[in-house]
Amino acid sequence: MTDAATRFVLQATGARTAVRGPVIQTLWSGYGEIVRYLLEGGDSPTVILKHIVFPDELDHPRGWSNNRSHQRKVRSYQVEMAWYRDWANQCDATSRVPRCLDTATIGDEHLIVLEDLDAAGFPQRRDHLTRAEARLCLRWLARFHARFMGREPTGLWPEGSYWHLATRPDEWAAIEDPAIRETAAALDDALTGARYRSLVHGDAKVANFCFAPEGDAVAAVDFQYVGGGCGMRDVAYFLGSCLDEREQENWEADLLDAYFAALREALNERGKGTEAGAIEHEWRALFPIAQADFYRFLVGWMPDHWKIHDYSRRTALAVVRRLQEGGLSAIPSGSDSSASAISSQ
């Protein structure tokens, strides 16, 4: 397939020559690779090829190798192609994503040719963020959520994110704590029943953000799980991925304020300022629910994961306990729809 991939890169870029360069990374569970191609005669000196190849044998690094997991990944790459083909060009510099040059399916393999963000001025990656860098990424998320507020996720996941309950019955069954198992549906219903919905990135971890050297701009990659949903799925997941326990507990309120300030600003710019207060009211109420819901996924998927710590545990269990004790009145709701989602349990 290497020759066919190179021909496709040439077709997508109009370059005279394309030389396969280094593999940037292999895809999760052996589903292909991301490769940089070196060009001559094109508009840029390099491009990125995301080359998806479905393996003959399933080999999940955490042991979750079954047909449900495989079909979820197959669908995720179909969604990512749809995102880059039909949606990505709607993002601007404030919610920067790589420009897509072309997509193709050849046999049972998928190819996506993308702008090289390193060459475009975003060459740096982080595995841990300062408060200022976290604010920068939250601003990206706020601008992204504002841009797609109220849009139907045509061609994408109806409910974005890789960890929501409907996609994870095996992990739910593996949860040892009965209280978390029993409240999982209520947590999920509150999030999926939110009145205000946008597109969510779906995998907004720190590794999927690319930084400019000056530290004043950021872009995002990896849209396999983009789809409809409450923006708090992204925010809760992001904060848990980029901060250690002490930072998360001490900075969380300030960073959440920064996110909502950026969201209000972006909504005002897009002529939706009259809804900003209601959106913030609902989503702030749903933020601890999103935290508890992600904790629910982690304890079923990988109970010894580093993202499970005393603060995340205390936060999640407090939400679960209030649900058990109070039902509808347990957690303040920002909309009738999310309130009814909890009361229906």
Protein backbone atom coordinates (compact mmCIF):
# COMPACT_ATOMS: atom_id res chain seq x y z
CA MET A 1 0.00 0.00 0.00
CA THR A 2 3.01 2.32 0.33
CA ASP A 3 3.11 3.11 -3.41
CA ALA A 4 -0.64 3.76 -3.51
CA ALA A 5 -0.35 6.03 -0.46
CA THR A 6 2.46 8.01 -2.08
CA ARG A 7 0.45 8.39 -5.28
CA PHE A 8 -2.48 9.67 -3.26
CA VAL A 9 -0.27 12.22 -1.47
CA LEU A 10 0.96 13.43 -4.88
CA GLN A 11 -2.61 13.70 -6.12
CA ALA A 12 -3.75 15.57 -2.99
CA THR A 13 -0.85 18.06 -2.99
CA GLY A 14 -0.02 18.54 -6.67
CA ALA A 15 3.66 18.10 -5.78
CA ARG A 16 6.23 16.78 -8.28
CA THR A 17 7.66 14.29 -5.79
CA ALA A 18 6.61 12.92 -2.41
CA VAL A 19 9.04 10.98 -0.24
CA ARG A 20 7.80 9.04 2.74
CA GLY A 21 9.48 10.41 5.84
CA PRO A 22 9.48 9.35 9.48
CA VAL A 23 6.54 7.74 11.23
CA ILE A 24 5.28 10.30 13.74
CA GLN A 25 3.25 7.75 15.67
CA THR A 26 1.43 4.47 15.28
CA LEU A 27 -2.31 4.54 15.82
CA TRP A 28 -3.96 3.03 18.91
CA SER A 29 -4.16 -0.78 18.92
CA GLY A 30 -2.18 -1.12 15.69
CA TYR A 31 -4.76 0.55 13.41
CA GLY A 32 -2.24 2.28 11.18
CA GLU A 33 0.18 5.17 11.42
CA ILE A 34 0.73 8.89 11.00
CA VAL A 35 3.58 9.69 8.60
CA ARG A 36 5.24 12.89 7.43
CA TYR A 37 5.85 13.17 3.66
CA LEU A 38 8.55 15.39 2.22
CA LEU A 39 7.44 17.24 -0.93
CA GLU A 40 9.00 18.99 -3.86
CA GLY A 41 6.96 21.26 -6.08
CA GLY A 42 4.01 21.55 -3.71
CA ASP A 43 2.57 24.48 -1.79
CA SER A 44 4.40 23.37 1.36
CA PRO A 45 7.53 21.31 2.01
CA THR A 46 5.74 18.66 4.06
CA VAL A 47 2.32 17.14 4.69
CA ILE A 48 0.94 14.58 7.12
CA LEU A 49 -0.69 11.34 6.04
CA LYS A 50 -2.97 9.61 8.52
CA HIS A 51 -3.11 6.08 7.16
CA ILE A 52 -5.71 3.81 8.78
CA VAL A 53 -5.30 0.08 8.27
CA PHE A 54 -7.60 -2.28 10.18
CA PRO A 55 -5.60 -5.13 11.72
CA ASP A 56 -6.31 -8.80 11.06
CA GLU A 57 -6.08 -9.53 14.80
CA LEU A 58 -7.39 -7.27 17.55
CA ASP A 59 -4.81 -6.32 20.16
CA HIS A 60 -6.03 -3.66 22.58
CA PRO A 61 -3.22 -2.55 24.94
CA ARG A 62 -5.64 -2.55 27.89
CA GLY A 63 -7.18 -5.92 27.05
CA TRP A 64 -10.48 -4.59 25.65
CA SER A 65 -10.18 -6.50 22.37
CA ASN A 66 -13.61 -7.45 21.08
CA ASN A 67 -15.84 -6.74 18.12
CA ARG A 68 -17.61 -3.86 19.86
CA SER A 69 -14.29 -2.12 20.43
CA HIS A 70 -13.26 -2.78 16.83
CA GLN A 71 -16.51 -1.45 15.37
CA ARG A 72 -16.22 1.68 17.53
CA LYS A 73 -12.76 2.34 16.08
CA VAL A 74 -13.93 1.66 12.51
CA ARG A 75 -16.74 4.18 12.98
CA SER A 76 -14.36 6.67 14.59
CA TYR A 77 -12.19 6.84 11.49
CA GLN A 78 -15.25 7.25 9.26
CA VAL A 79 -16.30 10.14 11.49
CA GLU A 80 -12.84 11.71 11.34
CA MET A 81 -12.88 11.60 7.54
CA ALA A 82 -16.32 13.24 7.56
CA TRP A 83 -15.06 15.91 9.98
CA TYR A 84 -12.12 16.87 7.81
CA ARG A 85 -14.11 16.64 4.57
CA ASP A 86 -17.28 18.48 5.65
CA TRP A 87 -16.65 20.46 8.83
CA ALA A 88 -13.01 21.42 9.46
CA ASN A 89 -12.99 24.27 6.94
CA GLN A 90 -15.54 26.08 9.15
CA CYS A 91 -12.91 26.57 11.86
CA ASP A 92 -10.85 29.76 11.85
CA ALA A 93 -7.64 30.87 13.55
CA THR A 94 -9.34 30.99 16.97
CA SER A 95 -10.20 27.28 16.81
CA ARG A 96 -7.30 26.21 14.61
CA VAL A 97 -7.24 22.71 13.10
CA PRO A 98 -5.08 21.25 10.31
CA ARG A 99 -6.31 21.96 6.82
CA CYS A 100 -7.44 18.83 5.00
CA LEU A 101 -6.07 18.38 1.49
CA ASP A 102 -7.94 15.20 0.59
CA THR A 103 -9.43 11.97 1.94
CA ALA A 104 -9.87 8.58 0.31
CA THR A 105 -10.91 5.02 1.02
CA ILE A 106 -8.94 2.43 -0.92
CA GLY A 107 -10.20 -1.06 -0.25
CA ASP A 108 -10.59 -1.26 3.52
CA GLU A 109 -7.93 1.39 4.20
CA HIS A 110 -8.55 5.09 4.89
CA LEU A 111 -6.18 7.93 4.00
CA ILE A 112 -6.32 11.54 5.18
CA VAL A 113 -3.78 14.07 3.88
CA LEU A 114 -3.42 16.99 6.26
CA GLU A 115 -1.50 20.21 6.62
CA ASP A 116 1.65 19.75 8.69
CA LEU A 117 1.00 21.82 11.81
CA ASP A 118 4.71 21.80 12.69
CA ALA A 119 5.46 23.64 9.45
CA ALA A 120 2.41 25.89 9.96
CA GLY A 121 3.82 27.27 13.21
CA PHE A 122 2.60 24.80 15.86
CA PRO A 123 5.62 22.53 16.40
CA GLN A 124 5.49 22.09 20.17
CA ARG A 125 3.70 19.46 22.26
CA ARG A 126 3.14 19.24 26.00
CA ASP A 127 2.37 16.47 28.46
CA HIS A 128 1.72 18.90 31.31
CA LEU A 129 0.54 22.50 31.23
CA THR A 130 1.11 25.72 33.09
CA ARG A 131 -1.99 27.63 34.12
CA ALA A 132 -1.50 30.03 31.20
CA GLU A 133 -1.19 27.16 28.72
CA ALA A 134 -4.31 25.52 30.15
CA ARG A 135 -6.18 28.79 29.68
CA LEU A 136 -5.03 28.87 26.05
CA CYS A 137 -6.45 25.41 25.37
CA LEU A 138 -9.68 26.21 27.20
CA ARG A 139 -10.04 29.28 25.02
CA TRP A 140 -9.68 27.03 21.97
CA LEU A 141 -12.42 24.76 23.35
CA ALA A 142 -14.69 27.72 24.15
CA ARG A 143 -14.31 29.14 20.64
CA PHE A 144 -14.94 25.70 19.14
CA HIS A 145 -18.07 25.14 21.24
CA ALA A 146 -19.40 28.62 20.44
CA ARG A 147 -18.82 28.17 16.72
CA PHE A 148 -20.89 25.00 16.53
CA MET A 149 -23.48 25.78 19.21
CA GLY A 150 -26.85 24.35 18.24
CA ARG A 151 -25.58 22.56 15.12
CA GLU A 152 -26.72 19.06 14.27
CA PRO A 153 -23.69 16.71 14.06
CA THR A 154 -24.45 15.44 10.55
CA GLY A 155 -21.99 12.68 9.59
CA LEU A 156 -20.36 12.79 13.03
CA TRP A 157 -21.10 10.94 16.27
CA PRO A 158 -24.62 11.79 17.49
CA GLU A 159 -23.03 11.91 20.96
CA GLY A 160 -19.37 12.87 20.88
CA SER A 161 -16.53 11.59 23.12
CA TYR A 162 -14.98 8.15 23.24
CA TRP A 163 -16.05 7.36 26.79
CA HIS A 164 -19.77 8.05 27.10
CA LEU A 165 -21.93 5.30 28.53
CA ALA A 166 -23.64 4.00 25.38
CA THR A 167 -20.27 3.07 23.87
CA ARG A 168 -18.88 1.41 27.02
CA PRO A 169 -21.16 -1.38 28.34
CA ASP A 170 -18.22 -3.71 28.98
CA GLU A 171 -16.40 -1.13 31.06
CA TRP A 172 -19.63 -0.31 32.91
CA ALA A 173 -20.08 -4.00 33.79
CA ALA A 174 -16.53 -4.10 35.17
CA ILE A 175 -17.14 -1.31 37.72
CA GLU A 176 -16.77 -2.73 41.22
CA ASP A 177 -18.53 0.03 43.16
CA PRO A 178 -22.31 -0.61 42.95
CA ALA A 179 -23.13 3.04 43.65
CA ILE A 180 -21.22 4.15 40.55
CA ARG A 181 -22.80 1.45 38.42
CA GLU A 182 -26.30 2.33 39.61
CA THR A 183 -25.99 6.07 38.97
CA ALA A 184 -24.19 5.78 35.63
CA ALA A 185 -27.37 6.13 33.59
CA ALA A 186 -28.47 9.23 35.51
CA LEU A 187 -25.10 10.89 34.93
CA ASP A 188 -25.22 10.08 31.24
CA ASP A 189 -28.84 11.20 30.84
CA ALA A 190 -28.07 14.56 32.45
CA LEU A 191 -25.31 15.19 29.92
CA THR A 192 -27.05 13.85 26.83
CA GLY A 193 -30.25 15.65 27.85
CA ALA A 194 -28.66 19.08 28.05
CA ARG A 195 -30.75 21.79 26.42
CA TYR A 196 -27.68 23.51 25.01
CA ARG A 197 -25.57 21.33 22.78
CA SER A 198 -22.71 21.98 20.43
CA LEU A 199 -20.01 19.88 18.83
CA VAL A 200 -17.48 18.45 21.25
CA HIS A 201 -13.94 17.54 20.25
CA GLY A 202 -14.42 14.23 22.02
CA ASP A 203 -10.79 13.53 22.94
CA ALA A 204 -9.58 16.90 24.23
CA LYS A 205 -6.52 15.68 26.09
CA VAL A 206 -3.33 17.69 26.30
CA ALA A 207 -1.55 15.41 23.79
CA ASN A 208 -4.00 16.52 21.09
CA PHE A 209 -3.04 20.20 21.30
CA CYS A 210 -0.14 21.69 19.32
CA PHE A 211 1.53 24.88 20.55
CA ALA A 212 3.19 27.82 18.85
CA PRO A 213 6.74 28.49 20.14
CA GLU A 214 5.73 31.87 21.53
CA GLY A 215 3.07 30.20 23.67
CA ASP A 216 0.33 32.48 22.36
CA ALA A 217 -1.54 30.15 19.99
CA VAL A 218 -2.68 26.55 19.87
CA ALA A 219 -4.21 24.12 17.37
CA ALA A 220 -5.98 20.80 17.91
CA VAL A 221 -5.80 17.42 16.18
CA ASP A 222 -7.39 13.96 16.38
CA PHE A 223 -11.11 14.22 15.60
CA GLN A 224 -12.12 10.56 15.73
CA TYR A 225 -14.71 11.21 18.44
CA VAL A 226 -16.08 14.59 17.44
CA GLY A 227 -19.85 14.82 17.69
CA GLY A 228 -22.80 16.40 19.42
CA GLY A 229 -22.88 17.09 23.12
CA CYS A 230 -22.46 19.30 26.13
CA GLY A 231 -19.15 21.16 26.12
CA MET A 232 -18.48 20.10 29.70
CA ARG A 233 -17.48 16.65 28.44
CA ASP A 234 -14.46 18.30 26.79
CA VAL A 235 -13.67 20.64 29.67
CA ALA A 236 -13.84 18.04 32.44
CA TYR A 237 -11.76 15.59 30.42
CA PHE A 238 -9.21 18.22 29.42
CA LEU A 239 -8.60 19.46 32.97
CA GLY A 240 -8.13 15.89 34.15
CA SER A 241 -5.54 15.25 31.43
CA CYS A 242 -3.27 18.27 31.76
CA LEU A 243 -3.02 18.93 35.51
CA ASP A 244 -1.82 16.95 38.48
CA GLU A 245 -4.09 16.46 41.48
CA ARG A 246 -2.95 19.54 43.41
CA GLU A 247 -3.19 21.82 40.38
CA GLN A 248 -6.59 20.52 39.42
CA GLU A 249 -8.01 21.15 42.87
CA ASN A 250 -6.39 24.58 43.26
CA TRP A 251 -6.79 25.94 39.72
CA GLU A 252 -10.08 24.39 38.64
CA ALA A 253 -12.40 27.25 39.65
CA ASP A 254 -10.20 29.88 38.01
CA LEU A 255 -9.81 27.87 34.82
CA LEU A 256 -13.52 27.20 34.62
CA ASP A 257 -14.15 30.94 34.93
CA ALA A 258 -11.64 31.54 32.13
CA TYR A 259 -13.44 29.04 29.89
CA PHE A 260 -16.83 30.66 30.43
CA ALA A 261 -15.42 34.16 29.89
CA ALA A 262 -14.04 32.99 26.53
CA LEU A 263 -17.33 31.26 25.70
CA ARG A 264 -19.36 34.42 26.44
CA GLU A 265 -16.99 36.48 24.31
CA ALA A 266 -17.24 34.06 21.38
CA LEU A 267 -21.03 33.79 21.63
CA ASN A 268 -21.33 37.58 21.62
CA GLU A 269 -19.18 37.76 18.49
CA ARG A 270 -21.44 35.23 16.80
CA GLY A 271 -24.65 37.07 17.69
CA LYS A 272 -25.67 34.56 20.36
CA GLY A 273 -24.90 36.69 23.39
CA THR A 274 -28.48 36.63 24.65
CA GLU A 275 -28.12 32.89 25.26
CA ALA A 276 -24.73 33.07 26.98
CA GLY A 277 -26.10 33.35 30.50
CA ALA A 278 -28.44 30.40 30.13
CA ILE A 279 -25.73 28.27 28.53
CA GLU A 280 -23.29 29.06 31.33
CA HIS A 281 -25.92 28.36 34.00
CA GLU A 282 -26.71 24.94 32.56
CA TRP A 283 -23.15 23.93 31.75
CA ARG A 284 -21.71 24.98 35.11
CA ALA A 285 -24.27 22.72 36.77
CA LEU A 286 -23.26 19.90 34.44
CA PHE A 287 -19.50 20.28 34.96
CA PRO A 288 -19.30 18.09 38.12
CA ILE A 289 -21.59 15.57 36.40
CA ALA A 290 -19.16 15.38 33.49
CA GLN A 291 -16.30 14.87 35.97
CA ALA A 292 -18.19 12.08 37.72
CA ASP A 293 -19.11 10.50 34.39
CA PHE A 294 -15.50 10.39 33.25
CA TYR A 295 -14.51 8.91 36.61
CA ARG A 296 -17.21 6.26 36.02
CA PHE A 297 -15.53 5.33 32.74
CA LEU A 298 -12.02 5.21 34.21
CA VAL A 299 -12.84 2.94 37.16
CA GLY A 300 -14.36 0.42 34.77
CA TRP A 301 -11.73 0.73 32.05
CA MET A 302 -8.50 1.03 34.05
CA PRO A 303 -8.94 1.32 37.84
CA ASP A 304 -5.25 2.10 38.41
CA HIS A 305 -5.09 4.94 35.86
CA TRP A 306 -3.08 7.98 37.01
CA LYS A 307 -6.08 10.24 36.39
CA ILE A 308 -7.85 8.53 39.30
CA HIS A 309 -6.68 10.30 42.44
CA ASP A 310 -8.13 11.53 45.70
CA TYR A 311 -9.56 14.74 44.27
CA SER A 312 -11.21 13.09 41.26
CA ARG A 313 -12.56 10.36 43.53
CA ARG A 314 -13.96 12.82 46.10
CA THR A 315 -15.53 14.96 43.38
CA ALA A 316 -17.18 12.01 41.63
CA LEU A 317 -18.39 10.28 44.77
CA ALA A 318 -19.91 13.50 46.08
CA VAL A 319 -22.03 13.75 42.92
CA VAL A 320 -22.99 10.07 43.13
CA ARG A 321 -23.95 10.42 46.78
CA ARG A 322 -26.13 13.46 46.09
CA LEU A 323 -27.88 11.59 43.30
CA GLN A 324 -28.56 8.65 45.59
CA GLU A 325 -29.82 10.84 48.41
CA GLY A 326 -31.74 13.52 46.58
CA GLY A 327 -32.69 12.40 43.09
CA LEU A 328 -33.94 15.40 41.10
CA SER A 329 -32.93 17.93 43.75
CA ALA A 330 -29.47 16.43 44.19
CA ILE A 331 -27.70 18.56 41.60
CA PRO A 332 -28.85 22.00 40.42
CA SER A 333 -29.93 21.86 36.80
CA GLY A 334 -29.54 24.55 34.21
CA SER A 335 -32.44 23.47 32.01
CA ASP A 336 -35.70 21.61 32.12
CA SER A 337 -34.33 18.93 29.80
CA SER A 338 -31.38 17.98 31.99
CA ALA A 339 -33.58 18.06 35.08
CA SER A 340 -36.04 15.67 33.52
CA ALA A 341 -33.16 13.42 32.48
CA ILE A 342 -32.22 12.91 36.13
CA SER A 343 -35.77 12.59 37.37
CA SER A 344 -36.56 9.90 34.83
CA GLN A 345 -34.20 7.44 36.52
